[in-house]
PDB file of all heavy atoms in Angstrom:
ATOM      1  N   LEU A   1      62.810  81.214  69.209  1.00  0.00           N
ATOM      2  CA  LEU A   1      63.805  81.485  68.170  1.00  0.00           C
ATOM      3  C   LEU A   1      64.008  82.993  68.019  1.00  0.00           C
ATOM      4  O   LEU A   1      65.135  83.467  67.847  1.00  0.00           O
ATOM      5  CB  LEU A   1      63.354  80.876  66.840  1.00  0.00           C
ATOM      6  CG  LEU A   1      64.298  81.089  65.648  1.00  0.00           C
ATOM      7  CD1 LEU A   1      65.661  80.462  65.929  1.00  0.00           C
ATOM      8  CD2 LEU A   1      63.704  80.514  64.376  1.00  0.00           C
ATOM      9  N   LYS A   2      62.895  83.759  68.099  1.00  0.00           N
ATOM     10  CA  LYS A   2      62.994  85.219  67.991  1.00  0.00           C
ATOM     11  C   LYS A   2      63.832  85.792  69.141  1.00  0.00           C
ATOM     12  O   LYS A   2      64.652  86.708  68.941  1.00  0.00           O
ATOM     13  CB  LYS A   2      61.587  85.822  68.043  1.00  0.00           C
ATOM     14  CG  LYS A   2      61.539  87.354  67.951  1.00  0.00           C
ATOM     15  CD  LYS A   2      61.963  87.830  66.574  1.00  0.00           C
ATOM     16  CE  LYS A   2      61.618  89.298  66.337  1.00  0.00           C
ATOM     17  NZ  LYS A   2      62.227  90.220  67.286  1.00  0.00           N
ATOM     18  N   TYR A   3      63.683  85.239  70.325  1.00  0.00           N
ATOM     19  CA  TYR A   3      64.463  85.709  71.471  1.00  0.00           C
ATOM     20  C   TYR A   3      65.959  85.492  71.228  1.00  0.00           C
ATOM     21  O   TYR A   3      66.778  86.402  71.446  1.00  0.00           O
ATOM     22  CB  TYR A   3      64.015  84.974  72.733  1.00  0.00           C
ATOM     23  CG  TYR A   3      64.897  85.237  73.937  1.00  0.00           C
ATOM     24  CD1 TYR A   3      64.749  86.399  74.687  1.00  0.00           C
ATOM     25  CD2 TYR A   3      65.887  84.337  74.291  1.00  0.00           C
ATOM     26  CE1 TYR A   3      65.575  86.666  75.774  1.00  0.00           C
ATOM     27  CE2 TYR A   3      66.722  84.576  75.374  1.00  0.00           C
ATOM     28  CZ  TYR A   3      66.561  85.742  76.116  1.00  0.00           C
ATOM     29  OH  TYR A   3      67.391  85.985  77.178  1.00  0.00           O
ATOM     30  N   HIS A   4      66.329  84.271  70.803  1.00  0.00           N
ATOM     31  CA  HIS A   4      67.749  83.986  70.550  1.00  0.00           C
ATOM     32  C   HIS A   4      68.273  84.834  69.394  1.00  0.00           C
ATOM     33  O   HIS A   4      69.452  85.231  69.388  1.00  0.00           O
ATOM     34  CB  HIS A   4      67.934  82.495  70.257  1.00  0.00           C
ATOM     35  CG  HIS A   4      67.855  81.626  71.474  1.00  0.00           C
ATOM     36  ND1 HIS A   4      68.850  81.590  72.424  1.00  0.00           N
ATOM     37  CD2 HIS A   4      66.889  80.773  71.903  1.00  0.00           C
ATOM     38  CE1 HIS A   4      68.512  80.747  73.385  1.00  0.00           C
ATOM     39  NE2 HIS A   4      67.327  80.230  73.090  1.00  0.00           N
ATOM     40  N   TRP A   5      67.415  85.091  68.428  1.00  0.00           N
ATOM     41  CA  TRP A   5      67.821  85.943  67.301  1.00  0.00           C
ATOM     42  C   TRP A   5      68.126  87.361  67.804  1.00  0.00           C
ATOM     43  O   TRP A   5      69.147  87.953  67.420  1.00  0.00           O
ATOM     44  CB  TRP A   5      66.718  85.952  66.249  1.00  0.00           C
ATOM     45  CG  TRP A   5      67.019  86.822  65.067  1.00  0.00           C
ATOM     46  CD1 TRP A   5      66.627  88.106  64.853  1.00  0.00           C
ATOM     47  CD2 TRP A   5      67.796  86.448  63.926  1.00  0.00           C
ATOM     48  NE1 TRP A   5      67.103  88.575  63.662  1.00  0.00           N
ATOM     49  CE2 TRP A   5      67.820  87.580  63.063  1.00  0.00           C
ATOM     50  CE3 TRP A   5      68.468  85.295  63.540  1.00  0.00           C
ATOM     51  CZ2 TRP A   5      68.495  87.568  61.848  1.00  0.00           C
ATOM     52  CZ3 TRP A   5      69.140  85.283  62.338  1.00  0.00           C
ATOM     53  CH2 TRP A   5      69.158  86.400  61.495  1.00  0.00           C
ATOM     54  N   ASP A   6      67.288  87.884  68.638  1.00  0.00           N
ATOM     55  CA  ASP A   6      67.499  89.231  69.168  1.00  0.00           C
ATOM     56  C   ASP A   6      68.735  89.291  70.075  1.00  0.00           C
ATOM     57  O   ASP A   6      69.441  90.304  70.107  1.00  0.00           O
ATOM     58  CB  ASP A   6      66.270  89.698  69.949  1.00  0.00           C
ATOM     59  CG  ASP A   6      65.054  89.896  69.047  1.00  0.00           C
ATOM     60  OD1 ASP A   6      65.255  90.070  67.823  1.00  0.00           O
ATOM     61  OD2 ASP A   6      63.921  89.850  69.565  1.00  0.00           O
ATOM     62  N   GLN A   7      68.965  88.217  70.825  1.00  0.00           N
ATOM     63  CA  GLN A   7      70.116  88.179  71.733  1.00  0.00           C
ATOM     64  C   GLN A   7      71.413  87.805  71.013  1.00  0.00           C
ATOM     65  O   GLN A   7      72.475  87.815  71.641  1.00  0.00           O
ATOM     66  CB  GLN A   7      69.857  87.161  72.851  1.00  0.00           C
ATOM     67  CG  GLN A   7      68.681  87.502  73.744  1.00  0.00           C
ATOM     68  CD  GLN A   7      68.874  88.808  74.490  1.00  0.00           C
ATOM     69  OE1 GLN A   7      69.957  89.073  75.018  1.00  0.00           O
ATOM     70  NE2 GLN A   7      67.829  89.640  74.531  1.00  0.00           N
ATOM     71  N   GLN A   8      71.306  87.482  69.717  1.00  0.00           N
ATOM     72  CA  GLN A   8      72.469  87.082  68.910  1.00  0.00           C
ATOM     73  C   GLN A   8      73.207  85.889  69.536  1.00  0.00           C
ATOM     74  O   GLN A   8      74.436  85.832  69.582  1.00  0.00           O
ATOM     75  CB  GLN A   8      73.416  88.254  68.722  1.00  0.00           C
ATOM     76  CG  GLN A   8      72.782  89.416  67.952  1.00  0.00           C
ATOM     77  CD  GLN A   8      73.764  90.536  67.670  1.00  0.00           C
ATOM     78  OE1 GLN A   8      74.872  90.569  68.199  1.00  0.00           O
ATOM     79  NE2 GLN A   8      73.366  91.454  66.816  1.00  0.00           N
ATOM     80  N   THR A   9      72.397  84.940  70.016  1.00  0.00           N
ATOM     81  CA  THR A   9      72.986  83.711  70.562  1.00  0.00           C
ATOM     82  C   THR A   9      73.759  82.963  69.491  1.00  0.00           C
ATOM     83  O   THR A   9      74.829  82.394  69.754  1.00  0.00           O
ATOM     84  CB  THR A   9      71.872  82.802  71.126  1.00  0.00           C
ATOM     85  OG1 THR A   9      71.085  83.546  72.051  1.00  0.00           O
ATOM     86  CG2 THR A   9      72.459  81.582  71.806  1.00  0.00           C
ATOM     87  N   PHE A  10      73.225  82.968  68.269  1.00  0.00           N
ATOM     88  CA  PHE A  10      73.852  82.281  67.147  1.00  0.00           C
ATOM     89  C   PHE A  10      74.240  83.297  66.074  1.00  0.00           C
ATOM     90  O   PHE A  10      73.481  84.230  65.777  1.00  0.00           O
ATOM     91  CB  PHE A  10      72.891  81.235  66.555  1.00  0.00           C
ATOM     92  CG  PHE A  10      72.352  80.268  67.571  1.00  0.00           C
ATOM     93  CD1 PHE A  10      71.038  80.366  68.025  1.00  0.00           C
ATOM     94  CD2 PHE A  10      73.157  79.279  68.091  1.00  0.00           C
ATOM     95  CE1 PHE A  10      70.540  79.489  68.966  1.00  0.00           C
ATOM     96  CE2 PHE A  10      72.666  78.388  69.031  1.00  0.00           C
ATOM     97  CZ  PHE A  10      71.353  78.495  69.475  1.00  0.00           C
ATOM     98  N   ARG A  11      75.406  83.081  65.491  1.00  0.00           N
ATOM     99  CA  ARG A  11      75.855  83.963  64.416  1.00  0.00           C
ATOM    100  C   ARG A  11      75.208  83.594  63.090  1.00  0.00           C
ATOM    101  O   ARG A  11      75.146  84.410  62.169  1.00  0.00           O
ATOM    102  CB  ARG A  11      77.380  83.855  64.274  1.00  0.00           C
ATOM    103  CG  ARG A  11      78.149  84.419  65.458  1.00  0.00           C
ATOM    104  CD  ARG A  11      78.240  85.931  65.373  1.00  0.00           C
ATOM    105  NE  ARG A  11      78.915  86.334  64.166  1.00  0.00           N
ATOM    106  CZ  ARG A  11      80.256  86.363  64.025  1.00  0.00           C
ATOM    107  NH1 ARG A  11      81.038  85.996  65.038  1.00  0.00           N
ATOM    108  NH2 ARG A  11      80.800  86.766  62.897  1.00  0.00           N
ATOM    109  N   GLU A  12      74.723  82.338  62.995  1.00  0.00           N
ATOM    110  CA  GLU A  12      74.139  81.886  61.734  1.00  0.00           C
ATOM    111  C   GLU A  12      73.056  80.866  62.026  1.00  0.00           C
ATOM    112  O   GLU A  12      73.237  79.959  62.844  1.00  0.00           O
ATOM    113  CB  GLU A  12      75.216  81.281  60.831  1.00  0.00           C
ATOM    114  CG  GLU A  12      74.717  80.867  59.460  1.00  0.00           C
ATOM    115  CD  GLU A  12      75.834  80.358  58.573  1.00  0.00           C
ATOM    116  OE1 GLU A  12      76.386  79.278  58.879  1.00  0.00           O
ATOM    117  OE2 GLU A  12      76.151  81.038  57.574  1.00  0.00           O
ATOM    118  N   VAL A  13      71.915  81.018  61.349  1.00  0.00           N
ATOM    119  CA  VAL A  13      70.815  80.054  61.439  1.00  0.00           C
ATOM    120  C   VAL A  13      70.549  79.543  60.027  1.00  0.00           C
ATOM    121  O   VAL A  13      70.193  80.309  59.128  1.00  0.00           O
ATOM    122  CB  VAL A  13      69.536  80.691  62.018  1.00  0.00           C
ATOM    123  CG1 VAL A  13      68.407  79.658  62.057  1.00  0.00           C
ATOM    124  CG2 VAL A  13      69.791  81.235  63.416  1.00  0.00           C
ATOM    125  N   LEU A  14      70.760  78.233  59.831  1.00  0.00           N
ATOM    126  CA  LEU A  14      70.568  77.612  58.522  1.00  0.00           C
ATOM    127  C   LEU A  14      69.298  76.782  58.517  1.00  0.00           C
ATOM    128  O   LEU A  14      68.933  76.175  59.537  1.00  0.00           O
ATOM    129  CB  LEU A  14      71.765  76.716  58.163  1.00  0.00           C
ATOM    130  CG  LEU A  14      73.120  77.407  58.014  1.00  0.00           C
ATOM    131  CD1 LEU A  14      74.196  76.379  57.691  1.00  0.00           C
ATOM    132  CD2 LEU A  14      73.072  78.481  56.931  1.00  0.00           C
ATOM    133  N   VAL A  15      68.646  76.732  57.346  1.00  0.00           N
ATOM    134  CA  VAL A  15      67.400  75.976  57.189  1.00  0.00           C
ATOM    135  C   VAL A  15      67.548  75.055  55.982  1.00  0.00           C
ATOM    136  O   VAL A  15      67.979  75.498  54.907  1.00  0.00           O
ATOM    137  CB  VAL A  15      66.191  76.920  56.986  1.00  0.00           C
ATOM    138  CG1 VAL A  15      64.910  76.103  56.825  1.00  0.00           C
ATOM    139  CG2 VAL A  15      66.058  77.889  58.149  1.00  0.00           C
ATOM    140  N   PHE A  16      67.199  73.788  56.156  1.00  0.00           N
ATOM    141  CA  PHE A  16      67.214  72.799  55.071  1.00  0.00           C
ATOM    142  C   PHE A  16      65.770  72.452  54.723  1.00  0.00           C
ATOM    143  O   PHE A  16      65.003  72.030  55.594  1.00  0.00           O
ATOM    144  CB  PHE A  16      67.972  71.542  55.488  1.00  0.00           C
ATOM    145  CG  PHE A  16      69.450  71.752  55.671  1.00  0.00           C
ATOM    146  CD1 PHE A  16      69.953  72.190  56.892  1.00  0.00           C
ATOM    147  CD2 PHE A  16      70.333  71.533  54.627  1.00  0.00           C
ATOM    148  CE1 PHE A  16      71.306  72.395  57.070  1.00  0.00           C
ATOM    149  CE2 PHE A  16      71.692  71.734  54.795  1.00  0.00           C
ATOM    150  CZ  PHE A  16      72.181  72.167  56.018  1.00  0.00           C
ATOM    151  N   GLN A  17      65.416  72.599  53.437  1.00  0.00           N
ATOM    152  CA  GLN A  17      64.038  72.363  52.993  1.00  0.00           C
ATOM    153  C   GLN A  17      64.040  71.646  51.646  1.00  0.00           C
ATOM    154  O   GLN A  17      64.945  71.836  50.823  1.00  0.00           O
ATOM    155  CB  GLN A  17      63.282  73.692  52.851  1.00  0.00           C
ATOM    156  CG  GLN A  17      63.095  74.465  54.143  1.00  0.00           C
ATOM    157  CD  GLN A  17      62.594  75.867  53.892  1.00  0.00           C
ATOM    158  OE1 GLN A  17      63.251  76.656  53.198  1.00  0.00           O
ATOM    159  NE2 GLN A  17      61.439  76.193  54.457  1.00  0.00           N
ATOM    160  N   TYR A  18      62.981  70.855  51.432  1.00  0.00           N
ATOM    161  CA  TYR A  18      62.776  70.197  50.144  1.00  0.00           C
ATOM    162  C   TYR A  18      61.833  71.028  49.276  1.00  0.00           C
ATOM    163  O   TYR A  18      60.857  71.612  49.779  1.00  0.00           O
ATOM    164  CB  TYR A  18      62.155  68.809  50.318  1.00  0.00           C
ATOM    165  CG  TYR A  18      63.109  67.745  50.802  1.00  0.00           C
ATOM    166  CD1 TYR A  18      62.720  66.867  51.826  1.00  0.00           C
ATOM    167  CD2 TYR A  18      64.368  67.592  50.240  1.00  0.00           C
ATOM    168  CE1 TYR A  18      63.577  65.869  52.272  1.00  0.00           C
ATOM    169  CE2 TYR A  18      65.227  66.600  50.684  1.00  0.00           C
ATOM    170  CZ  TYR A  18      64.832  65.752  51.701  1.00  0.00           C
ATOM    171  OH  TYR A  18      65.680  64.771  52.143  1.00  0.00           O
ATOM    172  N   TYR A  19      62.103  71.035  47.978  1.00  0.00           N
ATOM    173  CA  TYR A  19      61.194  71.582  46.979  1.00  0.00           C
ATOM    174  C   TYR A  19      60.874  70.453  46.005  1.00  0.00           C
ATOM    175  O   TYR A  19      61.772  69.768  45.525  1.00  0.00           O
ATOM    176  CB  TYR A  19      61.831  72.768  46.230  1.00  0.00           C
ATOM    177  CG  TYR A  19      61.831  74.045  47.023  1.00  0.00           C
ATOM    178  CD1 TYR A  19      62.675  74.211  48.125  1.00  0.00           C
ATOM    179  CD2 TYR A  19      60.971  75.089  46.697  1.00  0.00           C
ATOM    180  CE1 TYR A  19      62.668  75.375  48.871  1.00  0.00           C
ATOM    181  CE2 TYR A  19      60.953  76.270  47.432  1.00  0.00           C
ATOM    182  CZ  TYR A  19      61.798  76.404  48.514  1.00  0.00           C
ATOM    183  OH  TYR A  19      61.778  77.562  49.248  1.00  0.00           O
ATOM    184  N   ARG A  20      59.607  70.260  45.726  1.00  0.00           N
ATOM    185  CA  ARG A  20      59.199  69.153  44.872  1.00  0.00           C
ATOM    186  C   ARG A  20      58.743  69.684  43.511  1.00  0.00           C
ATOM    187  O   ARG A  20      58.297  70.824  43.391  1.00  0.00           O
ATOM    188  CB  ARG A  20      58.082  68.352  45.528  1.00  0.00           C
ATOM    189  CG  ARG A  20      56.824  69.139  45.819  1.00  0.00           C
ATOM    190  CD  ARG A  20      55.851  68.314  46.635  1.00  0.00           C
ATOM    191  NE  ARG A  20      54.554  68.970  46.784  1.00  0.00           N
ATOM    192  CZ  ARG A  20      53.576  68.510  47.544  1.00  0.00           C
ATOM    193  NH1 ARG A  20      53.761  67.384  48.221  1.00  0.00           N
ATOM    194  NH2 ARG A  20      52.427  69.146  47.613  1.00  0.00           N
ATOM    195  N   PRO A  21      58.863  68.857  42.469  1.00  0.00           N
ATOM    196  CA  PRO A  21      58.496  69.319  41.119  1.00  0.00           C
ATOM    197  C   PRO A  21      56.994  69.553  41.005  1.00  0.00           C
ATOM    198  O   PRO A  21      56.192  68.851  41.626  1.00  0.00           O
ATOM    199  CB  PRO A  21      58.958  68.178  40.210  1.00  0.00           C
ATOM    200  CG  PRO A  21      59.007  66.978  41.098  1.00  0.00           C
ATOM    201  CD  PRO A  21      59.378  67.476  42.465  1.00  0.00           C
ATOM    202  N   VAL A  22      56.636  70.541  40.183  1.00  0.00           N
ATOM    203  CA  VAL A  22      55.217  70.860  40.004  1.00  0.00           C
ATOM    204  C   VAL A  22      54.682  70.374  38.670  1.00  0.00           C
ATOM    205  O   VAL A  22      53.480  70.224  38.486  1.00  0.00           O
ATOM    206  CB  VAL A  22      54.982  72.379  40.120  1.00  0.00           C
ATOM    207  CG1 VAL A  22      55.272  72.837  41.539  1.00  0.00           C
ATOM    208  CG2 VAL A  22      55.845  73.160  39.137  1.00  0.00           C
ATOM    209  N   ALA A  23      55.549  70.138  37.689  1.00  0.00           N
ATOM    210  CA  ALA A  23      55.111  69.684  36.373  1.00  0.00           C
ATOM    211  C   ALA A  23      56.267  69.006  35.663  1.00  0.00           C
ATOM    212  O   ALA A  23      57.432  69.163  36.037  1.00  0.00           O
ATOM    213  CB  ALA A  23      54.597  70.866  35.536  1.00  0.00           C
ATOM    214  N   ALA A  24      55.926  68.244  34.617  1.00  0.00           N
ATOM    215  CA  ALA A  24      56.945  67.526  33.871  1.00  0.00           C
ATOM    216  C   ALA A  24      57.929  68.460  33.187  1.00  0.00           C
ATOM    217  O   ALA A  24      59.110  68.139  33.004  1.00  0.00           O
ATOM    218  CB  ALA A  24      56.290  66.603  32.840  1.00  0.00           C
ATOM    219  N   GLU A  25      57.461  69.636  32.790  1.00  0.00           N
ATOM    220  CA  GLU A  25      58.331  70.574  32.072  1.00  0.00           C
ATOM    221  C   GLU A  25      59.273  71.334  33.004  1.00  0.00           C
ATOM    222  O   GLU A  25      60.142  72.078  32.539  1.00  0.00           O
ATOM    223  CB  GLU A  25      57.499  71.572  31.265  1.00  0.00           C
ATOM    224  CG  GLU A  25      56.518  72.401  32.085  1.00  0.00           C
ATOM    225  CD  GLU A  25      55.166  71.720  32.219  1.00  0.00           C
ATOM    226  OE1 GLU A  25      55.085  70.506  31.908  1.00  0.00           O
ATOM    227  OE2 GLU A  25      54.202  72.402  32.625  1.00  0.00           O
ATOM    228  N   GLY A  26      59.139  71.176  34.299  1.00  0.00           N
ATOM    229  CA  GLY A  26      60.068  71.809  35.225  1.00  0.00           C
ATOM    230  C   GLY A  26      59.361  72.661  36.253  1.00  0.00           C
ATOM    231  O   GLY A  26      58.140  72.815  36.253  1.00  0.00           O
ATOM    232  N   GLY A  27      60.160  73.245  37.143  1.00  0.00           N
ATOM    233  CA  GLY A  27      59.623  74.085  38.196  1.00  0.00           C
ATOM    234  C   GLY A  27      59.479  73.325  39.503  1.00  0.00           C
ATOM    235  O   GLY A  27      59.165  72.125  39.510  1.00  0.00           O
ATOM    236  N   PHE A  28      59.739  74.004  40.628  1.00  0.00           N
ATOM    237  CA  PHE A  28      59.671  73.385  41.944  1.00  0.00           C
ATOM    238  C   PHE A  28      58.876  74.273  42.889  1.00  0.00           C
ATOM    239  O   PHE A  28      58.862  75.501  42.747  1.00  0.00           O
ATOM    240  CB  PHE A  28      61.080  73.167  42.519  1.00  0.00           C
ATOM    241  CG  PHE A  28      61.887  72.144  41.777  1.00  0.00           C
ATOM    242  CD1 PHE A  28      62.647  72.503  40.670  1.00  0.00           C
ATOM    243  CD2 PHE A  28      61.884  70.823  42.171  1.00  0.00           C
ATOM    244  CE1 PHE A  28      63.395  71.573  39.983  1.00  0.00           C
ATOM    245  CE2 PHE A  28      62.630  69.872  41.490  1.00  0.00           C
ATOM    246  CZ  PHE A  28      63.383  70.247  40.390  1.00  0.00           C
ATOM    247  N   VAL A  29      58.247  73.656  43.861  1.00  0.00           N
ATOM    248  CA  VAL A  29      57.487  74.369  44.868  1.00  0.00           C
ATOM    249  C   VAL A  29      57.843  73.782  46.229  1.00  0.00           C
ATOM    250  O   VAL A  29      58.148  72.588  46.355  1.00  0.00           O
ATOM    251  CB  VAL A  29      55.972  74.259  44.604  1.00  0.00           C
ATOM    252  CG1 VAL A  29      55.504  72.804  44.750  1.00  0.00           C
ATOM    253  CG2 VAL A  29      55.201  75.158  45.556  1.00  0.00           C
ATOM    254  N   LEU A  30      57.827  74.621  47.265  1.00  0.00           N
ATOM    255  CA  LEU A  30      58.196  74.190  48.604  1.00  0.00           C
ATOM    256  C   LEU A  30      57.288  73.065  49.090  1.00  0.00           C
ATOM    257  O   LEU A  30      56.062  73.144  48.982  1.00  0.00           O
ATOM    258  CB  LEU A  30      58.112  75.381  49.566  1.00  0.00           C
ATOM    259  CG  LEU A  30      58.417  75.084  51.043  1.00  0.00           C
ATOM    260  CD1 LEU A  30      59.853  74.636  51.223  1.00  0.00           C
ATOM    261  CD2 LEU A  30      58.129  76.318  51.896  1.00  0.00           C
ATOM    262  N   ASP A  31      57.884  72.020  49.617  1.00  0.00           N
ATOM    263  CA  ASP A  31      57.122  70.925  50.215  1.00  0.00           C
ATOM    264  C   ASP A  31      56.356  71.473  51.421  1.00  0.00           C
ATOM    265  O   ASP A  31      56.957  72.087  52.313  1.00  0.00           O
ATOM    266  CB  ASP A  31      58.074  69.808  50.653  1.00  0.00           C
ATOM    267  CG  ASP A  31      57.348  68.529  51.024  1.00  0.00           C
ATOM    268  OD1 ASP A  31      56.329  68.619  51.738  1.00  0.00           O
ATOM    269  OD2 ASP A  31      57.789  67.449  50.620  1.00  0.00           O
ATOM    270  N   PRO A  32      55.041  71.264  51.470  1.00  0.00           N
ATOM    271  CA  PRO A  32      54.255  71.814  52.596  1.00  0.00           C
ATOM    272  C   PRO A  32      54.755  71.380  53.963  1.00  0.00           C
ATOM    273  O   PRO A  32      54.618  72.121  54.942  1.00  0.00           O
ATOM    274  CB  PRO A  32      52.844  71.282  52.320  1.00  0.00           C
ATOM    275  CG  PRO A  32      52.811  71.007  50.856  1.00  0.00           C
ATOM    276  CD  PRO A  32      54.198  70.581  50.487  1.00  0.00           C
ATOM    277  N   ARG A  33      55.348  70.213  54.055  1.00  0.00           N
ATOM    278  CA  ARG A  33      55.839  69.728  55.343  1.00  0.00           C
ATOM    279  C   ARG A  33      57.056  70.519  55.819  1.00  0.00           C
ATOM    280  O   ARG A  33      57.397  70.479  57.001  1.00  0.00           O
ATOM    281  CB  ARG A  33      56.191  68.244  55.237  1.00  0.00           C
ATOM    282  CG  ARG A  33      54.988  67.340  55.004  1.00  0.00           C
ATOM    283  CD  ARG A  33      55.390  65.922  54.672  1.00  0.00           C
ATOM    284  NE  ARG A  33      56.125  65.856  53.411  1.00  0.00           N
ATOM    285  CZ  ARG A  33      56.557  64.743  52.849  1.00  0.00           C
ATOM    286  NH1 ARG A  33      56.323  63.583  53.444  1.00  0.00           N
ATOM    287  NH2 ARG A  33      57.215  64.759  51.703  1.00  0.00           N
ATOM    288  N   ASP A  34      57.720  71.228  54.900  1.00  0.00           N
ATOM    289  CA  ASP A  34      58.924  71.980  55.256  1.00  0.00           C
ATOM    290  C   ASP A  34      58.653  73.478  55.359  1.00  0.00           C
ATOM    291  O   ASP A  34      59.594  74.283  55.404  1.00  0.00           O
ATOM    292  CB  ASP A  34      60.025  71.733  54.222  1.00  0.00           C
ATOM    293  CG  ASP A  34      60.529  70.297  54.249  1.00  0.00           C
ATOM    294  OD1 ASP A  34      60.137  69.559  55.159  1.00  0.00           O
ATOM    295  OD2 ASP A  34      61.312  69.925  53.365  1.00  0.00           O
ATOM    296  N   ARG A  35      57.398  73.858  55.402  1.00  0.00           N
ATOM    297  CA  ARG A  35      57.057  75.276  55.447  1.00  0.00           C
ATOM    298  C   ARG A  35      57.248  75.826  56.859  1.00  0.00           C
ATOM    299  O   ARG A  35      56.864  75.218  57.847  1.00  0.00           O
ATOM    300  CB  ARG A  35      55.603  75.466  55.009  1.00  0.00           C
ATOM    301  CG  ARG A  35      55.202  76.924  54.816  1.00  0.00           C
ATOM    302  CD  ARG A  35      53.775  77.000  54.306  1.00  0.00           C
ATOM    303  NE  ARG A  35      53.646  76.377  52.999  1.00  0.00           N
ATOM    304  CZ  ARG A  35      53.926  76.969  51.844  1.00  0.00           C
ATOM    305  NH1 ARG A  35      54.361  78.224  51.860  1.00  0.00           N
ATOM    306  NH2 ARG A  35      53.764  76.336  50.708  1.00  0.00           N
ATOM    307  N   LEU A  36      57.863  77.015  56.936  1.00  0.00           N
ATOM    308  CA  LEU A  36      58.065  77.703  58.201  1.00  0.00           C
ATOM    309  C   LEU A  36      57.125  78.900  58.300  1.00  0.00           C
ATOM    310  O   LEU A  36      56.472  79.270  57.328  1.00  0.00           O
ATOM    311  CB  LEU A  36      59.519  78.169  58.323  1.00  0.00           C
ATOM    312  CG  LEU A  36      60.572  77.080  58.563  1.00  0.00           C
ATOM    313  CD1 LEU A  36      61.969  77.659  58.415  1.00  0.00           C
ATOM    314  CD2 LEU A  36      60.396  76.440  59.932  1.00  0.00           C
ATOM    315  N   ASP A  37      57.096  79.510  59.453  1.00  0.00           N
ATOM    316  CA  ASP A  37      56.265  80.685  59.673  1.00  0.00           C
ATOM    317  C   ASP A  37      56.714  81.833  58.768  1.00  0.00           C
ATOM    318  O   ASP A  37      57.902  81.995  58.477  1.00  0.00           O
ATOM    319  CB  ASP A  37      56.364  81.095  61.143  1.00  0.00           C
ATOM    320  CG  ASP A  37      55.253  82.046  61.533  1.00  0.00           C
ATOM    321  OD1 ASP A  37      55.364  83.234  61.188  1.00  0.00           O
ATOM    322  OD2 ASP A  37      54.290  81.591  62.161  1.00  0.00           O
ATOM    323  N   ASP A  38      55.756  82.660  58.341  1.00  0.00           N
ATOM    324  CA  ASP A  38      56.064  83.799  57.459  1.00  0.00           C
ATOM    325  C   ASP A  38      56.968  84.825  58.129  1.00  0.00           C
ATOM    326  O   ASP A  38      57.563  85.669  57.447  1.00  0.00           O
ATOM    327  CB  ASP A  38      54.772  84.486  57.019  1.00  0.00           C
ATOM    328  CG  ASP A  38      54.066  83.700  55.922  1.00  0.00           C
ATOM    329  OD1 ASP A  38      54.720  82.830  55.331  1.00  0.00           O
ATOM    330  OD2 ASP A  38      52.878  83.965  55.679  1.00  0.00           O
ATOM    331  N   SER A  39      57.069  84.767  59.444  1.00  0.00           N
ATOM    332  CA  SER A  39      57.916  85.743  60.125  1.00  0.00           C
ATOM    333  C   SER A  39      59.404  85.490  59.883  1.00  0.00           C
ATOM    334  O   SER A  39      60.228  86.377  60.116  1.00  0.00           O
ATOM    335  CB  SER A  39      57.631  85.711  61.626  1.00  0.00           C
ATOM    336  OG  SER A  39      57.951  84.431  62.144  1.00  0.00           O
ATOM    337  N   ILE A  40      59.746  84.303  59.442  1.00  0.00           N
ATOM    338  CA  ILE A  40      61.151  83.968  59.176  1.00  0.00           C
ATOM    339  C   ILE A  40      61.458  84.301  57.720  1.00  0.00           C
ATOM    340  O   ILE A  40      60.873  83.726  56.803  1.00  0.00           O
ATOM    341  CB  ILE A  40      61.430  82.482  59.464  1.00  0.00           C
ATOM    342  CG1 ILE A  40      61.139  82.159  60.926  1.00  0.00           C
ATOM    343  CG2 ILE A  40      62.871  82.137  59.122  1.00  0.00           C
ATOM    344  CD1 ILE A  40      61.381  80.718  61.298  1.00  0.00           C
ATOM    345  N   ILE A  41      62.373  85.211  57.514  1.00  0.00           N
ATOM    346  CA  ILE A  41      62.776  85.621  56.173  1.00  0.00           C
ATOM    347  C   ILE A  41      64.078  84.903  55.824  1.00  0.00           C
ATOM    348  O   ILE A  41      65.063  84.989  56.571  1.00  0.00           O
ATOM    349  CB  ILE A  41      62.973  87.146  56.086  1.00  0.00           C
ATOM    350  CG1 ILE A  41      61.731  87.858  56.648  1.00  0.00           C
ATOM    351  CG2 ILE A  41      63.242  87.562  54.648  1.00  0.00           C
ATOM    352  CD1 ILE A  41      60.436  87.479  55.967  1.00  0.00           C
ATOM    353  N   LEU A  42      64.072  84.193  54.691  1.00  0.00           N
ATOM    354  CA  LEU A  42      65.199  83.348  54.305  1.00  0.00           C
ATOM    355  C   LEU A  42      65.924  83.904  53.088  1.00  0.00           C
ATOM    356  O   LEU A  42      65.307  84.491  52.194  1.00  0.00           O
ATOM    357  CB  LEU A  42      64.727  81.923  54.006  1.00  0.00           C
ATOM    358  CG  LEU A  42      63.999  81.170  55.134  1.00  0.00           C
ATOM    359  CD1 LEU A  42      63.538  79.814  54.638  1.00  0.00           C
ATOM    360  CD2 LEU A  42      64.910  81.024  56.345  1.00  0.00           C
ATOM    361  N   GLU A  43      67.221  83.637  53.076  1.00  0.00           N
ATOM    362  CA  GLU A  43      68.050  83.947  51.913  1.00  0.00           C
ATOM    363  C   GLU A  43      68.624  82.633  51.379  1.00  0.00           C
ATOM    364  O   GLU A  43      69.419  81.977  52.076  1.00  0.00           O
ATOM    365  CB  GLU A  43      69.193  84.875  52.287  1.00  0.00           C
ATOM    366  CG  GLU A  43      70.159  85.138  51.134  1.00  0.00           C
ATOM    367  CD  GLU A  43      71.425  85.832  51.575  1.00  0.00           C
ATOM    368  OE1 GLU A  43      71.732  85.836  52.781  1.00  0.00           O
ATOM    369  OE2 GLU A  43      72.129  86.358  50.691  1.00  0.00           O
ATOM    370  N   PRO A  44      68.243  82.184  50.159  1.00  0.00           N
ATOM    371  CA  PRO A  44      68.789  80.935  49.629  1.00  0.00           C
ATOM    372  C   PRO A  44      70.300  81.020  49.457  1.00  0.00           C
ATOM    373  O   PRO A  44      70.830  82.013  48.957  1.00  0.00           O
ATOM    374  CB  PRO A  44      68.075  80.785  48.285  1.00  0.00           C
ATOM    375  CG  PRO A  44      66.850  81.626  48.396  1.00  0.00           C
ATOM    376  CD  PRO A  44      67.241  82.786  49.270  1.00  0.00           C
ATOM    377  N   LEU A  45      70.990  79.947  49.875  1.00  0.00           N
ATOM    378  CA  LEU A  45      72.441  79.894  49.747  1.00  0.00           C
ATOM    379  C   LEU A  45      72.907  78.856  48.731  1.00  0.00           C
ATOM    380  O   LEU A  45      73.869  79.089  48.006  1.00  0.00           O
ATOM    381  CB  LEU A  45      73.075  79.570  51.109  1.00  0.00           C
ATOM    382  CG  LEU A  45      72.877  80.581  52.229  1.00  0.00           C
ATOM    383  CD1 LEU A  45      73.533  80.067  53.506  1.00  0.00           C
ATOM    384  CD2 LEU A  45      73.456  81.934  51.848  1.00  0.00           C
TER     385      LEU A  45
END
């Protein structure tokens, strides 16, 4: 993925992830199954 990113093979890379609730009063946390490597920096859209 890093190679294609450097070569600009794709103009846009989108990521779909689930966040699950952490408590009854609210708040969400990333589902562990949808976690990516820390090297990928995401901007929520």
